[in-house]
């Protein structure tokens, strides 16, 4: 396990491509994620979280990536980067089908480490680091040890997290969680 605030960009890219599991800060709560294109890594996160087939969201590499793969019917820049997850229809339902169904939640968190993830150009799973149905973690010490022990990298935050999960935007409307 690797605790770090500063990882080099190439080291992050290599670890993501290898299917490594990250615990990392976002602008809201701590997340757990991996390369969304790596089906085995995504399934490992489902196992770690003890989660059923409920869809995951991704940190989108760019606005262009979102526009290439999803039907964009709202002004993305009104919400992103920021503490929002925007649910959009997929242009191709087979795209990342192990991540979600016909739609995909996308985020561009306002967070330095998430910026490093985005710079890899790889869509990255983003889900709160907790067991399914339990409270998300705002601090490393709040993350269950069982989860930490199954991660390859744990990234500590230098900043205080908001502690509130991202707000959902569906069909351009804010939906309360």
Protein backbone atom coordinates (compact mmCIF):
# COMPACT_ATOMS: atom_id res chain seq x y z
CA UNK A 1 0.00 0.00 0.00
CA UNK A 2 1.22 3.44 -0.89
CA UNK A 3 0.25 6.59 1.02
CA UNK A 4 1.13 9.69 -0.89
CA UNK A 5 0.11 13.23 -1.50
CA UNK A 6 2.33 13.68 -4.53
CA UNK A 7 2.56 11.00 -7.19
CA UNK A 8 4.21 11.68 -10.50
CA UNK A 9 1.87 11.83 -13.48
CA UNK A 10 3.49 8.91 -15.30
CA UNK A 11 3.34 6.79 -12.12
CA UNK A 12 -0.41 7.49 -11.83
CA UNK A 13 -1.01 6.65 -15.50
CA UNK A 14 0.94 3.39 -15.25
CA UNK A 15 -0.91 2.31 -12.09
CA UNK A 16 -4.30 3.13 -13.65
CA UNK A 17 -3.47 1.18 -16.82
CA UNK A 18 -2.38 -1.79 -14.68
CA UNK A 19 -5.84 -1.84 -13.01
CA UNK A 20 -4.65 -0.67 -9.59
CA UNK A 21 -7.25 0.40 -7.03
CA UNK A 22 -6.96 3.92 -5.59
CA UNK A 23 -8.45 5.50 -2.49
CA UNK A 24 -8.27 9.23 -3.11
CA UNK A 25 -9.72 12.58 -2.09
CA UNK A 26 -12.29 14.38 -4.23
CA UNK A 27 -13.82 17.78 -3.58
CA UNK A 28 -16.58 16.09 -1.57
CA UNK A 29 -15.62 12.82 0.18
CA UNK A 30 -12.93 10.17 -0.18
CA UNK A 31 -13.47 7.96 -3.19
CA UNK A 32 -12.34 4.59 -4.39
CA UNK A 33 -11.68 4.09 -8.07
CA UNK A 34 -9.84 2.48 -10.94
CA UNK A 35 -9.64 2.46 -14.71
CA UNK A 36 -13.29 2.33 -15.81
CA UNK A 37 -12.21 0.52 -19.00
CA UNK A 38 -10.76 -2.37 -16.97
CA UNK A 39 -13.70 -4.70 -16.24
CA UNK A 40 -11.77 -6.81 -13.71
CA UNK A 41 -10.70 -3.76 -11.70
CA UNK A 42 -14.28 -2.43 -11.70
CA UNK A 43 -15.53 -5.80 -10.43
CA UNK A 44 -12.87 -5.72 -7.71
CA UNK A 45 -14.30 -2.40 -6.48
CA UNK A 46 -17.79 -3.97 -6.40
CA UNK A 47 -16.36 -6.77 -4.24
CA UNK A 48 -14.48 -4.38 -1.95
CA UNK A 49 -17.59 -2.23 -1.39
CA UNK A 50 -19.87 -5.30 -1.16
CA UNK A 51 -21.98 -3.61 -3.82
CA UNK A 52 -24.49 -5.11 -6.21
CA UNK A 53 -24.80 -4.09 -9.86
CA UNK A 54 -25.80 -0.51 -8.98
CA UNK A 55 -24.14 1.76 -11.58
CA UNK A 56 -20.89 3.59 -10.95
CA UNK A 57 -19.98 7.09 -12.09
CA UNK A 58 -16.70 8.14 -13.67
CA UNK A 59 -14.30 11.03 -13.50
CA UNK A 60 -14.35 12.13 -17.12
CA UNK A 61 -10.95 12.89 -18.67
CA UNK A 62 -12.31 15.99 -20.44
CA UNK A 63 -15.38 17.80 -21.70
CA UNK A 64 -14.51 16.46 -25.16
CA UNK A 65 -14.56 12.89 -23.85
CA UNK A 66 -18.04 13.48 -22.41
CA UNK A 67 -19.26 14.91 -25.73
CA UNK A 68 -17.77 12.00 -27.70
CA UNK A 69 -19.41 9.22 -25.68
CA UNK A 70 -22.53 10.74 -24.11
CA UNK A 71 -25.58 12.70 -25.25
CA UNK A 72 -25.01 16.17 -23.82
CA UNK A 73 -28.24 18.08 -23.42
CA UNK A 74 -27.19 20.63 -20.78
CA UNK A 75 -24.46 23.22 -20.25
CA UNK A 76 -21.75 21.07 -18.61
CA UNK A 77 -19.67 24.10 -17.65
CA UNK A 78 -22.50 25.32 -15.42
CA UNK A 79 -21.73 22.40 -13.07
CA UNK A 80 -18.23 21.15 -13.87
CA UNK A 81 -15.68 21.22 -12.45
CA UNK A 82 -17.51 20.99 -9.17
CA UNK A 83 -19.35 18.85 -6.65
CA UNK A 84 -21.86 17.47 -9.16
CA UNK A 85 -22.49 14.15 -10.86
CA UNK A 86 -24.29 14.62 -14.14
CA UNK A 87 -26.28 11.66 -15.45
CA UNK A 88 -26.24 11.51 -19.26
CA UNK A 89 -27.43 8.96 -21.83
CA UNK A 90 -24.74 6.91 -23.52
CA UNK A 91 -24.41 7.17 -27.29
CA UNK A 92 -23.61 3.43 -27.34
CA UNK A 93 -25.10 1.30 -24.56
CA UNK A 94 -22.28 -1.26 -24.88
CA UNK A 95 -19.79 1.46 -23.90
CA UNK A 96 -18.55 0.70 -20.35
CA UNK A 97 -21.52 -1.65 -19.87
CA UNK A 98 -19.88 -3.19 -16.76
CA UNK A 99 -19.93 0.32 -15.21
CA UNK A 100 -23.53 1.35 -15.90
CA UNK A 101 -26.61 0.75 -18.07
CA UNK A 102 -27.98 3.14 -20.70
CA UNK A 103 -26.76 6.24 -18.84
CA UNK A 104 -23.51 7.21 -17.15
CA UNK A 105 -22.81 9.56 -14.26
CA UNK A 106 -19.88 11.86 -14.99
CA UNK A 107 -17.87 14.06 -12.67
CA UNK A 108 -15.06 16.53 -13.01
CA UNK A 109 -14.22 17.16 -9.35
CA UNK A 110 -12.59 20.42 -8.34
CA UNK A 111 -9.59 18.68 -6.77
CA UNK A 112 -5.86 18.58 -7.53
CA UNK A 113 -5.49 14.80 -7.37
CA UNK A 114 -8.57 14.30 -9.55
CA UNK A 115 -6.99 16.72 -12.05
CA UNK A 116 -4.01 14.34 -12.18
CA UNK A 117 -6.38 11.43 -12.83
CA UNK A 118 -8.06 13.37 -15.65
CA UNK A 119 -4.70 14.21 -17.24
CA UNK A 120 -4.17 10.48 -17.90
CA UNK A 121 -7.00 10.62 -20.47
CA UNK A 122 -8.59 7.51 -18.93
CA UNK A 123 -12.17 7.43 -17.53
CA UNK A 124 -11.88 6.60 -13.84
CA UNK A 125 -14.45 5.04 -11.52
CA UNK A 126 -15.52 7.38 -8.75
CA UNK A 127 -17.60 6.09 -5.86
CA UNK A 128 -17.49 6.85 -2.16
CA UNK A 129 -15.06 4.72 -0.18
CA UNK A 130 -17.39 2.89 2.17
CA UNK A 131 -19.33 -0.33 2.28
CA UNK A 132 -22.50 -0.02 0.23
CA UNK A 133 -25.17 1.80 2.21
CA UNK A 134 -22.81 3.13 4.88
CA UNK A 135 -21.63 6.68 5.53
CA UNK A 136 -18.90 8.04 3.17
CA UNK A 137 -15.48 8.91 4.63
CA UNK A 138 -14.23 12.47 5.07
CA UNK A 139 -10.90 11.39 6.57
CA UNK A 140 -8.54 8.44 6.04
CA UNK A 141 -9.23 7.33 9.61
CA UNK A 142 -12.95 6.93 8.77
CA UNK A 143 -12.24 4.40 6.01
CA UNK A 144 -12.80 0.80 7.12
CA UNK A 145 -9.48 -1.02 7.47
CA UNK A 146 -10.86 -3.90 5.42
CA UNK A 147 -11.23 -1.52 2.47
CA UNK A 148 -7.86 0.18 2.96
CA UNK A 149 -6.13 -3.21 3.00
CA UNK A 150 -7.55 -4.05 -0.44
CA UNK A 151 -6.44 -0.82 -2.12
CA UNK A 152 -3.13 -0.47 -3.95
CA UNK A 153 -2.77 3.27 -3.33
CA UNK A 154 -4.16 5.57 -0.66
CA UNK A 155 -3.81 9.27 -1.39
CA UNK A 156 -4.09 11.66 1.55
CA UNK A 157 -5.75 15.01 1.12
CA UNK A 158 -4.09 18.27 2.05
CA UNK A 159 -7.47 19.99 1.98
CA UNK A 160 -10.60 19.56 4.04
CA UNK A 161 -13.32 17.72 2.10
CA UNK A 162 -16.88 19.06 2.11
CA UNK A 163 -18.18 15.81 3.63
CA UNK A 164 -21.29 15.86 1.45
CA UNK A 165 -21.51 13.55 -1.58
CA UNK A 166 -21.80 15.20 -4.98
CA UNK A 167 -25.20 16.50 -6.03
CA UNK A 168 -26.97 14.67 -8.86
CA UNK A 169 -28.04 16.45 -12.02
CA UNK A 170 -30.56 14.45 -14.08
CA UNK A 171 -32.10 15.97 -17.22
CA UNK A 172 -30.69 19.33 -16.18
CA UNK A 173 -32.42 19.23 -12.78
CA UNK A 174 -30.85 18.99 -9.33
CA UNK A 175 -31.98 15.78 -7.60
CA UNK A 176 -31.57 15.46 -3.85
CA UNK A 177 -29.84 12.32 -2.56
